[in-house]
C-alpha cells in the first residue's frame, strides 16, 4: 500500500554502501561528538555482501547515555586505533560509491568533521542518500511512528518484518550490525517486499 511513496528507493543503484556510526554522544556546546565505531555494509549487485567495523579512539569522553546505547566504555575505546590511521581503509570503501545513511544529517557531518580535523582528503563519492528522510512520506501515510527526522530504523525493521539483528546483542546498537540492519531494510523497501506485513501489523495495532 502506498508503494508509490517509496519510488525513490527503487532508483538506488545495484551497488552502494550503507554506513553507520556510534559516537561519544550528541552535539553540544563543544561541537560535534567523536566517532567510536564506524560500520560499513557493502551492497553489490543488489545483494548484501560484507560488513566491516572500524573502532576508532575518540578524543572526547563517551557520555554515560552513549555508553548505555552501544555498550563501549572509555577504557575500551582508549585501546582503539586512531581515526586517521584507519582512514585509508575506510576511504577505499567510500570511493565512487553512493552512501546510504539512516539520519544522514547526524552521521555525515561528524564524518566530514573528522576528515577535516585530521587534515585528510575525502574521496570522490556519488552522493549521500538519507533513508530516514526518504521514508517519511510512506511512514506517515502508513501511520507509523515518525519524528521530524523520519521513522527510526527500529520502526521500519518491525513494520516490514525484517529480522532484528540487535536481538543477538541484547538490544545494543553497533555500527556494523546497524549498517547491516539498514541494508536489509533498504533491500526490502527497494524491492517493495513485505508490504502486506505492514498492513497486518497496523491492523493488529
N, C-alpha and C. Protein backbone atom coordinates (compact mmCIF):
# COMPACT_ATOMS: atom_id res chain seq x y z
N UNK A 1 0.84 -1.20 0.00
CA UNK A 1 0.00 0.00 0.00
C UNK A 1 0.88 1.25 0.00
N UNK A 2 0.50 2.23 -0.79
CA UNK A 2 1.25 3.47 -0.94
C UNK A 2 2.68 3.24 -1.43
N UNK A 3 2.87 2.19 -2.22
CA UNK A 3 4.21 1.87 -2.71
C UNK A 3 4.81 3.00 -3.52
N UNK A 4 3.95 3.80 -4.15
CA UNK A 4 4.46 4.90 -4.97
C UNK A 4 5.25 5.91 -4.15
N UNK A 5 4.99 5.96 -2.85
CA UNK A 5 5.73 6.87 -1.98
C UNK A 5 7.14 6.37 -1.70
N UNK A 6 7.43 5.14 -2.08
CA UNK A 6 8.76 4.56 -1.90
C UNK A 6 9.55 4.50 -3.20
N UNK A 7 9.04 5.18 -4.20
CA UNK A 7 9.65 5.12 -5.54
C UNK A 7 11.15 5.43 -5.51
N UNK A 8 11.55 6.40 -4.71
CA UNK A 8 12.96 6.81 -4.69
C UNK A 8 13.87 5.66 -4.30
N UNK A 9 13.39 4.74 -3.45
CA UNK A 9 14.20 3.59 -3.05
C UNK A 9 14.44 2.64 -4.22
N UNK A 10 13.47 2.55 -5.13
CA UNK A 10 13.62 1.64 -6.28
C UNK A 10 14.64 2.16 -7.27
N UNK A 11 15.05 3.42 -7.11
CA UNK A 11 16.02 4.03 -8.02
C UNK A 11 17.46 3.90 -7.54
N UNK A 12 17.65 3.27 -6.40
CA UNK A 12 19.02 3.07 -5.91
C UNK A 12 19.80 2.22 -6.89
N UNK A 13 21.08 2.47 -7.04
CA UNK A 13 21.89 1.67 -7.96
C UNK A 13 22.06 0.24 -7.47
N UNK A 14 22.61 -0.61 -8.31
CA UNK A 14 22.83 -2.00 -7.93
C UNK A 14 23.91 -2.13 -6.85
N UNK A 15 24.85 -1.19 -6.87
CA UNK A 15 25.96 -1.21 -5.92
C UNK A 15 25.97 0.07 -5.09
N UNK A 16 26.06 -0.07 -3.79
CA UNK A 16 26.18 1.08 -2.89
C UNK A 16 26.69 0.57 -1.55
N UNK A 17 26.99 1.48 -0.65
CA UNK A 17 27.39 1.07 0.69
C UNK A 17 26.45 1.71 1.72
N UNK A 18 26.30 1.04 2.83
CA UNK A 18 25.49 1.54 3.93
C UNK A 18 26.44 1.84 5.09
N UNK A 19 26.32 3.04 5.65
CA UNK A 19 27.25 3.49 6.68
C UNK A 19 26.51 3.86 7.96
N UNK A 20 27.13 3.53 9.09
CA UNK A 20 26.57 3.91 10.39
C UNK A 20 27.72 4.20 11.34
N UNK A 21 27.46 5.07 12.31
CA UNK A 21 28.47 5.35 13.33
C UNK A 21 27.87 5.23 14.72
N UNK A 22 28.73 4.92 15.68
CA UNK A 22 28.41 5.07 17.09
C UNK A 22 29.39 6.11 17.62
N UNK A 23 28.91 7.01 18.44
CA UNK A 23 29.71 8.16 18.82
C UNK A 23 29.83 8.33 20.33
N UNK A 24 30.53 9.39 20.72
CA UNK A 24 30.72 9.70 22.14
C UNK A 24 29.47 10.33 22.74
N UNK A 25 28.52 10.72 21.91
CA UNK A 25 27.30 11.35 22.40
C UNK A 25 26.65 12.19 21.32
N UNK A 26 26.01 13.27 21.74
CA UNK A 26 25.33 14.17 20.82
C UNK A 26 26.10 15.47 20.68
N UNK A 27 25.84 16.24 19.63
CA UNK A 27 26.47 17.56 19.51
C UNK A 27 26.11 18.43 20.72
N UNK A 28 27.07 19.22 21.18
CA UNK A 28 26.82 20.11 22.31
C UNK A 28 27.60 21.40 22.12
N UNK A 29 27.75 22.17 23.20
CA UNK A 29 28.45 23.46 23.11
C UNK A 29 29.91 23.31 22.71
N UNK A 30 30.44 22.08 22.85
CA UNK A 30 31.84 21.83 22.47
C UNK A 30 31.97 21.30 21.05
N UNK A 31 30.86 21.27 20.34
CA UNK A 31 30.92 20.84 18.95
C UNK A 31 30.36 19.44 18.73
N UNK A 32 30.77 18.84 17.63
CA UNK A 32 30.29 17.52 17.26
C UNK A 32 30.96 16.43 18.08
N UNK A 33 30.29 15.32 18.30
CA UNK A 33 30.90 14.21 19.05
C UNK A 33 31.95 13.50 18.21
N UNK A 34 32.69 12.63 18.85
CA UNK A 34 33.70 11.83 18.15
C UNK A 34 33.11 10.47 17.77
N UNK A 35 33.65 9.91 16.71
CA UNK A 35 33.27 8.57 16.28
C UNK A 35 33.99 7.54 17.15
N UNK A 36 33.24 6.56 17.64
CA UNK A 36 33.82 5.46 18.41
C UNK A 36 33.92 4.22 17.52
N UNK A 37 32.86 3.94 16.77
CA UNK A 37 32.92 2.87 15.77
C UNK A 37 32.23 3.33 14.50
N UNK A 38 32.72 2.87 13.38
CA UNK A 38 32.15 3.18 12.07
C UNK A 38 31.93 1.87 11.33
N UNK A 39 30.68 1.61 10.96
CA UNK A 39 30.34 0.37 10.28
C UNK A 39 29.96 0.60 8.83
N UNK A 40 30.36 -0.31 7.99
CA UNK A 40 30.04 -0.24 6.56
C UNK A 40 29.56 -1.61 6.09
N UNK A 41 28.42 -1.62 5.42
CA UNK A 41 27.94 -2.83 4.76
C UNK A 41 27.91 -2.58 3.27
N UNK A 42 28.49 -3.49 2.53
CA UNK A 42 28.60 -3.36 1.08
C UNK A 42 27.43 -4.09 0.42
N UNK A 43 26.73 -3.38 -0.45
CA UNK A 43 25.68 -3.99 -1.28
C UNK A 43 26.21 -4.05 -2.70
N UNK A 44 26.32 -5.25 -3.23
CA UNK A 44 26.87 -5.47 -4.57
C UNK A 44 25.88 -6.23 -5.41
N UNK A 45 25.55 -5.68 -6.57
CA UNK A 45 24.57 -6.30 -7.47
C UNK A 45 23.26 -6.57 -6.73
N UNK A 46 22.86 -5.61 -5.89
CA UNK A 46 21.62 -5.64 -5.11
C UNK A 46 21.58 -6.74 -4.05
N UNK A 47 22.74 -7.31 -3.75
CA UNK A 47 22.83 -8.32 -2.70
C UNK A 47 23.76 -7.83 -1.60
N UNK A 48 23.39 -8.11 -0.35
CA UNK A 48 24.23 -7.71 0.77
C UNK A 48 25.48 -8.57 0.82
N UNK A 49 26.62 -7.91 0.80
CA UNK A 49 27.90 -8.63 0.82
C UNK A 49 28.54 -8.47 2.21
N UNK A 50 29.74 -7.99 2.26
CA UNK A 50 30.45 -7.93 3.54
C UNK A 50 30.04 -6.76 4.41
N UNK A 51 30.26 -6.93 5.70
CA UNK A 51 30.08 -5.85 6.67
C UNK A 51 31.38 -5.75 7.48
N UNK A 52 31.85 -4.51 7.66
CA UNK A 52 33.10 -4.29 8.40
C UNK A 52 32.86 -3.21 9.45
N UNK A 53 33.71 -3.20 10.46
CA UNK A 53 33.61 -2.18 11.50
C UNK A 53 35.00 -1.67 11.86
N UNK A 54 35.12 -0.36 11.96
CA UNK A 54 36.36 0.28 12.35
C UNK A 54 36.17 0.90 13.73
N UNK A 55 36.98 0.47 14.69
CA UNK A 55 36.92 1.00 16.04
C UNK A 55 37.97 2.11 16.16
N UNK A 56 37.51 3.32 16.43
CA UNK A 56 38.42 4.47 16.42
C UNK A 56 38.49 5.12 17.80
N UNK A 57 39.71 5.46 18.20
CA UNK A 57 39.93 6.05 19.53
C UNK A 57 39.45 7.50 19.54
N UNK A 58 38.45 7.81 20.36
CA UNK A 58 37.92 9.18 20.39
C UNK A 58 38.81 10.11 21.21
N UNK A 59 38.75 11.39 20.89
CA UNK A 59 39.47 12.38 21.67
C UNK A 59 38.60 12.90 22.81
N UNK A 60 37.29 12.77 22.66
CA UNK A 60 36.36 13.19 23.70
C UNK A 60 35.91 11.96 24.50
N UNK A 61 35.43 12.22 25.71
CA UNK A 61 34.94 11.13 26.54
C UNK A 61 33.56 10.68 26.08
N UNK A 62 33.30 9.40 26.24
CA UNK A 62 31.99 8.85 25.87
C UNK A 62 31.01 9.13 27.02
N UNK A 63 29.89 9.74 26.69
CA UNK A 63 28.90 10.06 27.71
C UNK A 63 28.26 8.77 28.25
N UNK A 64 27.70 8.87 29.43
CA UNK A 64 27.03 7.70 30.02
C UNK A 64 25.85 7.26 29.16
N UNK A 65 25.13 8.23 28.60
CA UNK A 65 23.99 7.89 27.74
C UNK A 65 24.45 7.12 26.51
N UNK A 66 25.55 7.58 25.89
CA UNK A 66 26.07 6.90 24.70
C UNK A 66 26.55 5.49 25.05
N UNK A 67 27.19 5.35 26.22
CA UNK A 67 27.65 4.02 26.65
C UNK A 67 26.49 3.07 26.82
N UNK A 68 25.35 3.58 27.31
CA UNK A 68 24.19 2.72 27.50
C UNK A 68 23.59 2.28 26.18
N UNK A 69 23.85 3.03 25.12
CA UNK A 69 23.31 2.71 23.79
C UNK A 69 24.17 1.68 23.07
N UNK A 70 25.51 1.91 23.06
CA UNK A 70 26.37 0.99 22.31
C UNK A 70 27.25 0.10 23.18
N UNK A 71 27.28 0.34 24.48
CA UNK A 71 27.99 -0.55 25.38
C UNK A 71 29.50 -0.45 25.39
N UNK A 72 30.06 0.59 24.77
CA UNK A 72 31.51 0.75 24.72
C UNK A 72 31.95 1.74 25.78
N UNK A 73 32.89 1.34 26.63
CA UNK A 73 33.35 2.20 27.71
C UNK A 73 34.55 3.04 27.26
N UNK A 74 34.85 4.05 28.05
CA UNK A 74 36.01 4.89 27.74
C UNK A 74 37.32 4.09 27.83
N UNK A 75 37.38 3.15 28.75
CA UNK A 75 38.58 2.31 28.88
C UNK A 75 38.77 1.46 27.63
N UNK A 76 37.70 0.89 27.14
CA UNK A 76 37.79 0.08 25.91
C UNK A 76 38.21 0.95 24.72
N UNK A 77 37.58 2.11 24.60
CA UNK A 77 37.83 2.98 23.45
C UNK A 77 39.26 3.52 23.44
N UNK A 78 39.86 3.64 24.61
CA UNK A 78 41.23 4.16 24.70
C UNK A 78 42.23 3.24 24.02
N UNK A 79 41.86 1.98 23.85
CA UNK A 79 42.76 1.00 23.22
C UNK A 79 42.55 0.90 21.70
N UNK A 80 41.57 1.63 21.17
CA UNK A 80 41.31 1.57 19.73
C UNK A 80 42.38 2.35 18.96
N UNK A 81 42.54 2.04 17.69
CA UNK A 81 43.46 2.79 16.83
C UNK A 81 42.85 4.15 16.49
N UNK A 82 43.69 5.09 16.15
CA UNK A 82 43.23 6.43 15.82
C UNK A 82 42.43 6.43 14.52
N UNK A 83 41.59 7.44 14.36
CA UNK A 83 40.78 7.56 13.15
C UNK A 83 41.66 7.73 11.92
N UNK A 84 42.64 8.63 12.00
CA UNK A 84 43.45 8.91 10.82
C UNK A 84 44.28 7.71 10.36
N UNK A 85 44.66 6.84 11.31
CA UNK A 85 45.45 5.67 10.93
C UNK A 85 44.63 4.65 10.16
N UNK A 86 43.30 4.76 10.22
CA UNK A 86 42.42 3.81 9.54
C UNK A 86 41.70 4.43 8.34
N UNK A 87 41.95 5.72 8.12
CA UNK A 87 41.18 6.43 7.10
C UNK A 87 41.40 5.87 5.69
N UNK A 88 42.59 5.46 5.37
CA UNK A 88 42.84 4.92 4.02
C UNK A 88 41.95 3.72 3.74
N UNK A 89 41.82 2.83 4.74
CA UNK A 89 40.94 1.66 4.58
C UNK A 89 39.49 2.09 4.45
N UNK A 90 39.07 3.02 5.29
CA UNK A 90 37.69 3.49 5.25
C UNK A 90 37.38 4.15 3.92
N UNK A 91 38.28 5.02 3.47
CA UNK A 91 38.03 5.77 2.23
C UNK A 91 37.95 4.88 1.00
N UNK A 92 38.61 3.73 1.05
CA UNK A 92 38.53 2.80 -0.08
C UNK A 92 37.11 2.28 -0.25
N UNK A 93 36.41 2.10 0.86
CA UNK A 93 35.02 1.64 0.79
C UNK A 93 34.10 2.75 0.26
N UNK A 94 34.45 4.00 0.55
CA UNK A 94 33.60 5.12 0.16
C UNK A 94 33.78 5.53 -1.30
N UNK A 95 34.95 5.29 -1.83
CA UNK A 95 35.33 5.81 -3.14
C UNK A 95 34.34 5.42 -4.25
N UNK A 96 33.82 6.45 -4.93
CA UNK A 96 32.92 6.29 -6.08
C UNK A 96 31.60 5.61 -5.73
N UNK A 97 31.23 5.61 -4.46
CA UNK A 97 30.02 4.93 -4.04
C UNK A 97 28.91 5.90 -3.66
N UNK A 98 27.67 5.45 -3.79
CA UNK A 98 26.55 6.13 -3.16
C UNK A 98 26.53 5.61 -1.72
N UNK A 99 26.42 6.54 -0.76
CA UNK A 99 26.48 6.16 0.64
C UNK A 99 25.09 6.33 1.25
N UNK A 100 24.53 5.23 1.73
CA UNK A 100 23.20 5.23 2.34
C UNK A 100 23.35 5.31 3.85
N UNK A 101 22.69 6.29 4.46
CA UNK A 101 22.78 6.50 5.91
C UNK A 101 21.38 6.77 6.46
N UNK A 102 21.07 6.19 7.60
CA UNK A 102 19.81 6.49 8.28
C UNK A 102 20.09 7.64 9.24
N UNK A 103 19.46 8.78 9.01
CA UNK A 103 19.75 10.03 9.71
C UNK A 103 21.10 10.57 9.29
N UNK A 104 21.22 10.80 8.00
CA UNK A 104 22.47 11.30 7.43
C UNK A 104 22.86 12.66 7.97
N UNK A 105 21.90 13.46 8.41
CA UNK A 105 22.21 14.79 8.93
C UNK A 105 22.99 14.71 10.25
N UNK A 106 23.01 13.53 10.86
CA UNK A 106 23.81 13.33 12.07
C UNK A 106 25.17 12.73 11.72
N UNK A 107 25.18 11.58 11.07
CA UNK A 107 26.43 10.85 10.82
C UNK A 107 27.37 11.55 9.84
N UNK A 108 26.81 12.08 8.75
CA UNK A 108 27.68 12.61 7.70
C UNK A 108 28.49 13.83 8.14
N UNK A 109 27.90 14.84 8.79
CA UNK A 109 28.71 15.97 9.26
C UNK A 109 29.80 15.55 10.24
N UNK A 110 29.51 14.54 11.06
CA UNK A 110 30.52 14.06 12.01
C UNK A 110 31.69 13.44 11.27
N UNK A 111 31.40 12.66 10.24
CA UNK A 111 32.47 12.05 9.45
C UNK A 111 33.29 13.13 8.75
N UNK A 112 32.64 14.10 8.14
CA UNK A 112 33.35 15.19 7.46
C UNK A 112 34.20 15.99 8.45
N UNK A 113 33.68 16.18 9.65
CA UNK A 113 34.43 16.90 10.69
C UNK A 113 35.71 16.16 11.04
N UNK A 114 35.66 14.84 11.12
CA UNK A 114 36.86 14.05 11.42
C UNK A 114 37.88 14.17 10.28
N UNK A 115 37.39 14.11 9.05
CA UNK A 115 38.28 14.21 7.89
C UNK A 115 39.00 15.57 7.90
N UNK A 116 38.24 16.63 8.16
CA UNK A 116 38.81 17.98 8.19
C UNK A 116 39.75 18.15 9.37
N UNK A 117 39.34 17.65 10.52
CA UNK A 117 40.13 17.80 11.74
C UNK A 117 41.50 17.15 11.62
N UNK A 118 41.56 16.02 10.94
CA UNK A 118 42.82 15.29 10.81
C UNK A 118 43.58 15.64 9.53
N UNK A 119 43.08 16.61 8.78
CA UNK A 119 43.76 17.03 7.56
C UNK A 119 43.78 15.96 6.49
N UNK A 120 42.70 15.20 6.41
CA UNK A 120 42.62 14.10 5.45
C UNK A 120 41.83 14.54 4.22
N UNK A 121 41.79 13.69 3.22
CA UNK A 121 41.06 14.00 1.98
C UNK A 121 39.89 13.05 1.80
N UNK A 122 38.73 13.61 1.51
CA UNK A 122 37.54 12.79 1.24
C UNK A 122 37.60 12.32 -0.21
N UNK A 123 37.44 11.04 -0.45
CA UNK A 123 37.46 10.54 -1.84
C UNK A 123 36.22 11.01 -2.59
N UNK A 124 36.27 10.93 -3.89
CA UNK A 124 35.11 11.28 -4.70
C UNK A 124 34.03 10.22 -4.49
N UNK A 125 32.82 10.69 -4.20
CA UNK A 125 31.70 9.77 -3.99
C UNK A 125 30.55 10.14 -4.93
N UNK A 126 29.58 9.25 -5.06
CA UNK A 126 28.42 9.54 -5.90
C UNK A 126 27.43 10.46 -5.19
N UNK A 127 27.36 10.34 -3.88
CA UNK A 127 26.43 11.15 -3.11
C UNK A 127 26.04 10.44 -1.83
N UNK A 128 25.16 11.10 -1.06
CA UNK A 128 24.67 10.54 0.20
C UNK A 128 23.15 10.47 0.14
N UNK A 129 22.60 9.32 0.47
CA UNK A 129 21.15 9.08 0.46
C UNK A 129 20.69 8.84 1.88
N UNK A 130 19.79 9.70 2.38
CA UNK A 130 19.27 9.52 3.73
C UNK A 130 18.00 8.68 3.68
N UNK A 131 18.11 7.44 4.11
CA UNK A 131 16.96 6.53 4.07
C UNK A 131 15.86 6.96 5.04
N UNK A 132 16.24 7.64 6.12
CA UNK A 132 15.24 8.07 7.10
C UNK A 132 14.35 9.16 6.52
N UNK A 133 14.96 10.17 5.89
CA UNK A 133 14.18 11.24 5.27
C UNK A 133 13.34 10.71 4.11
N UNK A 134 13.93 9.82 3.33
CA UNK A 134 13.24 9.30 2.15
C UNK A 134 12.02 8.48 2.52
N UNK A 135 12.01 7.91 3.71
CA UNK A 135 10.89 7.06 4.14
C UNK A 135 9.76 7.82 4.80
N UNK A 136 9.92 9.12 5.02
CA UNK A 136 8.92 9.90 5.75
C UNK A 136 7.53 9.86 5.11
N UNK A 137 7.38 10.17 3.80
CA UNK A 137 6.01 10.19 3.24
C UNK A 137 5.28 8.87 3.40
N UNK A 138 5.99 7.77 3.16
CA UNK A 138 5.37 6.45 3.28
C UNK A 138 5.02 6.13 4.73
N UNK A 139 5.95 6.40 5.64
CA UNK A 139 5.72 6.10 7.06
C UNK A 139 4.53 6.90 7.59
N UNK A 140 4.44 8.15 7.20
CA UNK A 140 3.31 8.97 7.65
C UNK A 140 2.00 8.46 7.07
N UNK A 141 2.02 8.09 5.79
CA UNK A 141 0.80 7.57 5.16
C UNK A 141 0.36 6.27 5.81
N UNK A 142 1.33 5.47 6.29
CA UNK A 142 1.02 4.20 6.93
C UNK A 142 0.76 4.35 8.43
N UNK A 143 0.81 5.61 8.91
CA UNK A 143 0.56 5.90 10.32
C UNK A 143 1.56 5.20 11.23
N UNK A 144 2.81 5.14 10.79
CA UNK A 144 3.87 4.58 11.61
C UNK A 144 4.47 5.69 12.47
N UNK A 145 5.04 5.37 13.63
CA UNK A 145 5.69 6.38 14.45
C UNK A 145 6.77 7.09 13.63
N UNK A 146 6.77 8.42 13.67
CA UNK A 146 7.66 9.16 12.78
C UNK A 146 8.00 10.51 13.41
N UNK A 147 9.27 10.73 13.74
CA UNK A 147 9.70 12.02 14.28
C UNK A 147 9.94 12.99 13.13
N UNK A 148 10.41 14.18 13.44
CA UNK A 148 10.71 15.14 12.38
C UNK A 148 11.86 14.67 11.50
N UNK A 149 12.68 13.75 12.02
CA UNK A 149 13.78 13.19 11.23
C UNK A 149 13.29 12.07 10.32
N UNK A 150 12.17 11.44 10.71
CA UNK A 150 11.65 10.32 9.96
C UNK A 150 11.47 9.11 10.85
N UNK A 151 11.04 7.97 10.28
CA UNK A 151 10.86 6.74 11.07
C UNK A 151 12.21 6.17 11.50
N UNK A 152 12.28 5.66 12.71
CA UNK A 152 13.53 5.06 13.18
C UNK A 152 13.79 3.75 12.46
N UNK A 153 15.04 3.30 12.55
CA UNK A 153 15.40 2.00 11.96
C UNK A 153 14.63 0.89 12.65
N UNK A 154 14.44 1.01 13.95
CA UNK A 154 13.67 0.01 14.69
C UNK A 154 12.23 -0.06 14.19
N UNK A 155 11.64 1.11 13.93
CA UNK A 155 10.26 1.16 13.45
C UNK A 155 10.13 0.46 12.10
N UNK A 156 11.04 0.75 11.19
CA UNK A 156 10.98 0.14 9.86
C UNK A 156 11.27 -1.36 9.94
N UNK A 157 12.20 -1.75 10.78
CA UNK A 157 12.53 -3.17 10.96
C UNK A 157 11.30 -3.96 11.39
N UNK A 158 10.60 -3.43 12.40
CA UNK A 158 9.42 -4.11 12.93
C UNK A 158 8.28 -4.09 11.91
N UNK A 159 8.03 -2.92 11.31
CA UNK A 159 6.91 -2.77 10.39
C UNK A 159 7.03 -3.66 9.16
N UNK A 160 8.26 -3.87 8.71
CA UNK A 160 8.50 -4.65 7.49
C UNK A 160 8.75 -6.13 7.77
N UNK A 161 8.78 -6.51 9.04
CA UNK A 161 9.00 -7.91 9.37
C UNK A 161 10.41 -8.38 9.05
N UNK A 162 11.37 -7.45 9.14
CA UNK A 162 12.77 -7.79 8.88
C UNK A 162 13.41 -8.32 10.16
N UNK A 163 14.29 -9.30 10.02
CA UNK A 163 14.97 -9.87 11.19
C UNK A 163 15.69 -8.76 11.97
N UNK A 164 15.49 -8.73 13.26
CA UNK A 164 16.15 -7.74 14.12
C UNK A 164 17.49 -8.30 14.58
N UNK A 165 18.56 -7.83 14.00
CA UNK A 165 19.89 -8.35 14.31
C UNK A 165 20.36 -7.96 15.70
N UNK A 166 19.78 -6.90 16.27
CA UNK A 166 20.21 -6.45 17.60
C UNK A 166 19.77 -7.40 18.71
N UNK A 167 18.80 -8.26 18.42
CA UNK A 167 18.31 -9.19 19.44
C UNK A 167 19.46 -10.04 19.97
N UNK A 168 20.37 -10.43 19.08
CA UNK A 168 21.50 -11.26 19.48
C UNK A 168 22.52 -10.49 20.31
N UNK A 169 22.41 -9.16 20.29
CA UNK A 169 23.33 -8.30 21.05
C UNK A 169 22.63 -7.66 22.24
N UNK A 170 21.55 -8.28 22.70
CA UNK A 170 20.78 -7.76 23.84
C UNK A 170 20.28 -6.35 23.61
N UNK A 171 20.00 -6.03 22.34
CA UNK A 171 19.44 -4.73 22.02
C UNK A 171 20.44 -3.61 21.85
N UNK A 172 21.71 -3.88 22.10
CA UNK A 172 22.73 -2.83 21.97
C UNK A 172 22.91 -2.44 20.51
N UNK A 173 23.15 -1.15 20.30
CA UNK A 173 23.46 -0.66 18.97
C UNK A 173 24.92 -0.97 18.65
N UNK A 174 25.21 -1.10 17.37
CA UNK A 174 26.58 -1.29 16.92
C UNK A 174 26.67 -0.79 15.49
N UNK A 175 27.77 -0.12 15.15
CA UNK A 175 27.89 0.46 13.82
C UNK A 175 27.82 -0.61 12.72
N UNK A 176 28.49 -1.72 12.95
CA UNK A 176 28.50 -2.79 11.96
C UNK A 176 27.12 -3.44 11.84
N UNK A 177 26.55 -3.81 12.97
CA UNK A 177 25.27 -4.51 12.96
C UNK A 177 24.14 -3.59 12.48
N UNK A 178 24.22 -2.30 12.83
CA UNK A 178 23.18 -1.37 12.39
C UNK A 178 23.28 -1.07 10.90
N UNK A 179 24.50 -1.04 10.38
CA UNK A 179 24.64 -0.82 8.93
C UNK A 179 24.07 -2.01 8.16
N UNK A 180 24.28 -3.20 8.70
CA UNK A 180 23.73 -4.39 8.04
C UNK A 180 22.20 -4.44 8.21
N UNK A 181 21.72 -4.02 9.38
CA UNK A 181 20.27 -3.96 9.61
C UNK A 181 19.62 -3.02 8.60
N UNK A 182 20.22 -1.85 8.41
CA UNK A 182 19.67 -0.89 7.46
C UNK A 182 19.74 -1.43 6.04
N UNK A 183 20.82 -2.11 5.71
CA UNK A 183 20.94 -2.69 4.37
C UNK A 183 19.80 -3.65 4.10
N UNK A 184 19.43 -4.45 5.11
CA UNK A 184 18.31 -5.39 4.96
C UNK A 184 17.00 -4.65 4.75
N UNK A 185 16.79 -3.60 5.54
CA UNK A 185 15.55 -2.82 5.43
C UNK A 185 15.45 -2.15 4.07
N UNK A 186 16.53 -1.52 3.64
CA UNK A 186 16.53 -0.83 2.34
C UNK A 186 16.30 -1.82 1.21
N UNK A 187 16.87 -2.99 1.34
CA UNK A 187 16.70 -4.02 0.32
C UNK A 187 15.23 -4.42 0.20
N UNK A 188 14.57 -4.60 1.33
CA UNK A 188 13.15 -4.96 1.32
C UNK A 188 12.31 -3.84 0.71
N UNK A 189 12.59 -2.60 1.12
CA UNK A 189 11.82 -1.47 0.60
C UNK A 189 12.04 -1.30 -0.90
N UNK A 190 13.28 -1.38 -1.35
CA UNK A 190 13.58 -1.15 -2.76
C UNK A 190 12.96 -2.21 -3.66
N UNK A 191 12.73 -3.40 -3.08
CA UNK A 191 12.09 -4.46 -3.85
C UNK A 191 10.57 -4.48 -3.63
N UNK A 192 10.10 -3.56 -2.78
CA UNK A 192 8.68 -3.49 -2.42
C UNK A 192 8.17 -4.83 -1.88
N UNK A 193 8.99 -5.45 -1.02
CA UNK A 193 8.63 -6.70 -0.39
C UNK A 193 7.98 -6.44 0.97
N UNK A 194 7.28 -7.44 1.48
CA UNK A 194 6.76 -7.44 2.85
C UNK A 194 5.75 -6.33 3.12
N UNK A 195 5.18 -5.70 2.09
CA UNK A 195 4.24 -4.63 2.32
C UNK A 195 2.95 -5.16 2.95
N UNK A 196 2.61 -6.40 2.65
CA UNK A 196 1.43 -6.99 3.28
C UNK A 196 1.64 -7.10 4.79
N UNK A 197 2.88 -7.32 5.20
CA UNK A 197 3.20 -7.43 6.62
C UNK A 197 2.88 -6.13 7.34
N UNK A 198 3.15 -4.98 6.69
CA UNK A 198 2.86 -3.70 7.30
C UNK A 198 1.37 -3.54 7.56
N UNK A 199 0.57 -3.98 6.60
CA UNK A 199 -0.88 -3.90 6.76
C UNK A 199 -1.35 -4.76 7.92
N UNK A 200 -0.76 -5.96 8.06
CA UNK A 200 -1.13 -6.85 9.16
C UNK A 200 -0.76 -6.23 10.50
N UNK A 201 0.46 -5.68 10.60
CA UNK A 201 0.93 -5.07 11.84
C UNK A 201 0.04 -3.90 12.22
N UNK A 202 -0.26 -3.04 11.25
CA UNK A 202 -1.11 -1.87 11.54
C UNK A 202 -2.52 -2.30 11.96
N UNK A 203 -3.03 -3.34 11.34
CA UNK A 203 -4.37 -3.81 11.66
C UNK A 203 -4.40 -4.34 13.09
N UNK A 204 -3.35 -5.09 13.46
CA UNK A 204 -3.30 -5.63 14.82
C UNK A 204 -3.11 -4.53 15.85
N UNK A 205 -2.32 -3.50 15.41
CA UNK A 205 -2.06 -2.41 16.34
C UNK A 205 -3.30 -1.61 16.65
